Amino acid sequence: MLCNYVYDPAEGDESQEIVAGTTFDDLPEDWECPECGASKDKFYED
């Protein structure tokens, strides 16, 4: 784990124009953590 960011589908990711309601699986493959820049494949389900 690179940082403490938790993607919340209810909020989306405004910094990358991801609308609320977008599931993690539906994020684009090139999505990156808005806090540390980690790629999507570095995230895991808790």
N, C-alpha and C. Protein backbone atom coordinates (compact mmCIF):
# COMPACT_ATOMS: atom_id res chain seq x y z
N MET A 1 0.85 -1.18 0.00
CA MET A 1 0.00 0.00 0.00
C MET A 1 0.90 1.24 0.00
N LEU A 2 0.64 2.12 -0.94
CA LEU A 2 1.49 3.28 -1.09
C LEU A 2 1.00 4.49 -0.29
N CYS A 3 -0.29 4.61 -0.12
CA CYS A 3 -0.84 5.73 0.65
C CYS A 3 -2.14 5.25 1.31
N ASN A 4 -2.85 6.15 1.92
CA ASN A 4 -4.08 5.76 2.62
C ASN A 4 -5.35 6.07 1.83
N TYR A 5 -5.22 6.37 0.56
CA TYR A 5 -6.39 6.71 -0.25
C TYR A 5 -7.28 5.50 -0.43
N VAL A 6 -8.59 5.72 -0.26
CA VAL A 6 -9.59 4.68 -0.50
C VAL A 6 -10.56 5.23 -1.54
N TYR A 7 -10.66 4.55 -2.67
CA TYR A 7 -11.61 4.98 -3.70
C TYR A 7 -13.02 4.68 -3.23
N ASP A 8 -13.87 5.70 -3.26
CA ASP A 8 -15.26 5.55 -2.85
C ASP A 8 -16.15 5.76 -4.07
N PRO A 9 -16.80 4.72 -4.56
CA PRO A 9 -17.64 4.85 -5.74
C PRO A 9 -18.77 5.86 -5.55
N ALA A 10 -19.22 6.05 -4.33
CA ALA A 10 -20.29 7.02 -4.08
C ALA A 10 -19.83 8.45 -4.34
N GLU A 11 -18.52 8.67 -4.28
CA GLU A 11 -17.96 10.01 -4.51
C GLU A 11 -17.31 10.15 -5.88
N GLY A 12 -16.82 9.05 -6.45
CA GLY A 12 -16.09 9.13 -7.70
C GLY A 12 -14.73 9.76 -7.47
N ASP A 13 -14.17 10.38 -8.49
CA ASP A 13 -12.86 11.04 -8.39
C ASP A 13 -12.91 12.30 -9.24
N GLU A 14 -13.28 13.39 -8.60
CA GLU A 14 -13.44 14.67 -9.30
C GLU A 14 -12.16 15.10 -9.99
N SER A 15 -11.00 14.77 -9.42
CA SER A 15 -9.72 15.20 -9.99
C SER A 15 -9.47 14.60 -11.38
N GLN A 16 -10.15 13.49 -11.69
CA GLN A 16 -9.97 12.84 -12.99
C GLN A 16 -11.30 12.72 -13.74
N GLU A 17 -12.27 13.53 -13.31
CA GLU A 17 -13.59 13.58 -13.93
C GLU A 17 -14.31 12.23 -13.93
N ILE A 18 -14.12 11.47 -12.84
CA ILE A 18 -14.84 10.21 -12.65
C ILE A 18 -16.09 10.54 -11.84
N VAL A 19 -17.25 10.31 -12.42
CA VAL A 19 -18.50 10.69 -11.77
C VAL A 19 -18.85 9.75 -10.63
N ALA A 20 -19.60 10.28 -9.66
CA ALA A 20 -20.11 9.47 -8.55
C ALA A 20 -20.92 8.32 -9.11
N GLY A 21 -20.80 7.16 -8.49
CA GLY A 21 -21.50 5.96 -8.93
C GLY A 21 -20.65 5.05 -9.80
N THR A 22 -19.43 5.49 -10.15
CA THR A 22 -18.54 4.67 -10.96
C THR A 22 -17.85 3.64 -10.07
N THR A 23 -18.05 2.38 -10.36
CA THR A 23 -17.40 1.34 -9.56
C THR A 23 -15.90 1.31 -9.85
N PHE A 24 -15.15 0.73 -8.94
CA PHE A 24 -13.70 0.63 -9.14
C PHE A 24 -13.40 -0.16 -10.42
N ASP A 25 -14.14 -1.23 -10.65
CA ASP A 25 -13.93 -2.05 -11.85
C ASP A 25 -14.16 -1.26 -13.13
N ASP A 26 -15.01 -0.25 -13.08
CA ASP A 26 -15.32 0.55 -14.26
C ASP A 26 -14.39 1.74 -14.45
N LEU A 27 -13.44 1.95 -13.54
CA LEU A 27 -12.47 3.02 -13.73
C LEU A 27 -11.61 2.69 -14.95
N PRO A 28 -11.18 3.71 -15.70
CA PRO A 28 -10.31 3.43 -16.84
C PRO A 28 -9.02 2.76 -16.38
N GLU A 29 -8.44 1.94 -17.23
CA GLU A 29 -7.20 1.22 -16.88
C GLU A 29 -6.05 2.18 -16.57
N ASP A 30 -6.09 3.39 -17.11
CA ASP A 30 -5.01 4.35 -16.86
C ASP A 30 -5.29 5.27 -15.67
N TRP A 31 -6.35 4.96 -14.90
CA TRP A 31 -6.67 5.74 -13.70
C TRP A 31 -5.51 5.63 -12.71
N GLU A 32 -5.23 6.75 -12.03
CA GLU A 32 -4.17 6.77 -11.01
C GLU A 32 -4.70 7.38 -9.72
N CYS A 33 -4.14 6.97 -8.61
CA CYS A 33 -4.50 7.51 -7.31
C CYS A 33 -4.29 9.03 -7.33
N PRO A 34 -5.30 9.81 -6.91
CA PRO A 34 -5.15 11.25 -6.92
C PRO A 34 -4.19 11.77 -5.85
N GLU A 35 -3.83 10.92 -4.90
CA GLU A 35 -2.92 11.36 -3.83
C GLU A 35 -1.47 11.00 -4.11
N CYS A 36 -1.22 9.78 -4.60
CA CYS A 36 0.18 9.36 -4.75
C CYS A 36 0.55 8.97 -6.17
N GLY A 37 -0.43 8.91 -7.07
CA GLY A 37 -0.14 8.58 -8.46
C GLY A 37 0.01 7.10 -8.75
N ALA A 38 -0.30 6.23 -7.78
CA ALA A 38 -0.20 4.79 -8.01
C ALA A 38 -1.20 4.36 -9.07
N SER A 39 -0.82 3.39 -9.87
CA SER A 39 -1.71 2.89 -10.90
C SER A 39 -2.82 2.03 -10.30
N LYS A 40 -3.87 1.86 -11.07
CA LYS A 40 -5.04 1.10 -10.62
C LYS A 40 -4.66 -0.31 -10.15
N ASP A 41 -3.69 -0.93 -10.80
CA ASP A 41 -3.32 -2.30 -10.45
C ASP A 41 -2.60 -2.41 -9.11
N LYS A 42 -2.25 -1.28 -8.51
CA LYS A 42 -1.59 -1.28 -7.19
C LYS A 42 -2.60 -1.30 -6.05
N PHE A 43 -3.89 -1.15 -6.39
CA PHE A 43 -4.94 -1.14 -5.37
C PHE A 43 -5.44 -2.54 -5.10
N TYR A 44 -5.97 -2.75 -3.93
CA TYR A 44 -6.54 -4.05 -3.59
C TYR A 44 -7.83 -3.84 -2.81
N GLU A 45 -8.69 -4.83 -2.85
CA GLU A 45 -9.96 -4.76 -2.13
C GLU A 45 -9.74 -5.18 -0.70
N ASP A 46 -10.24 -4.37 0.20
CA ASP A 46 -10.09 -4.64 1.63
C ASP A 46 -11.17 -5.52 2.14
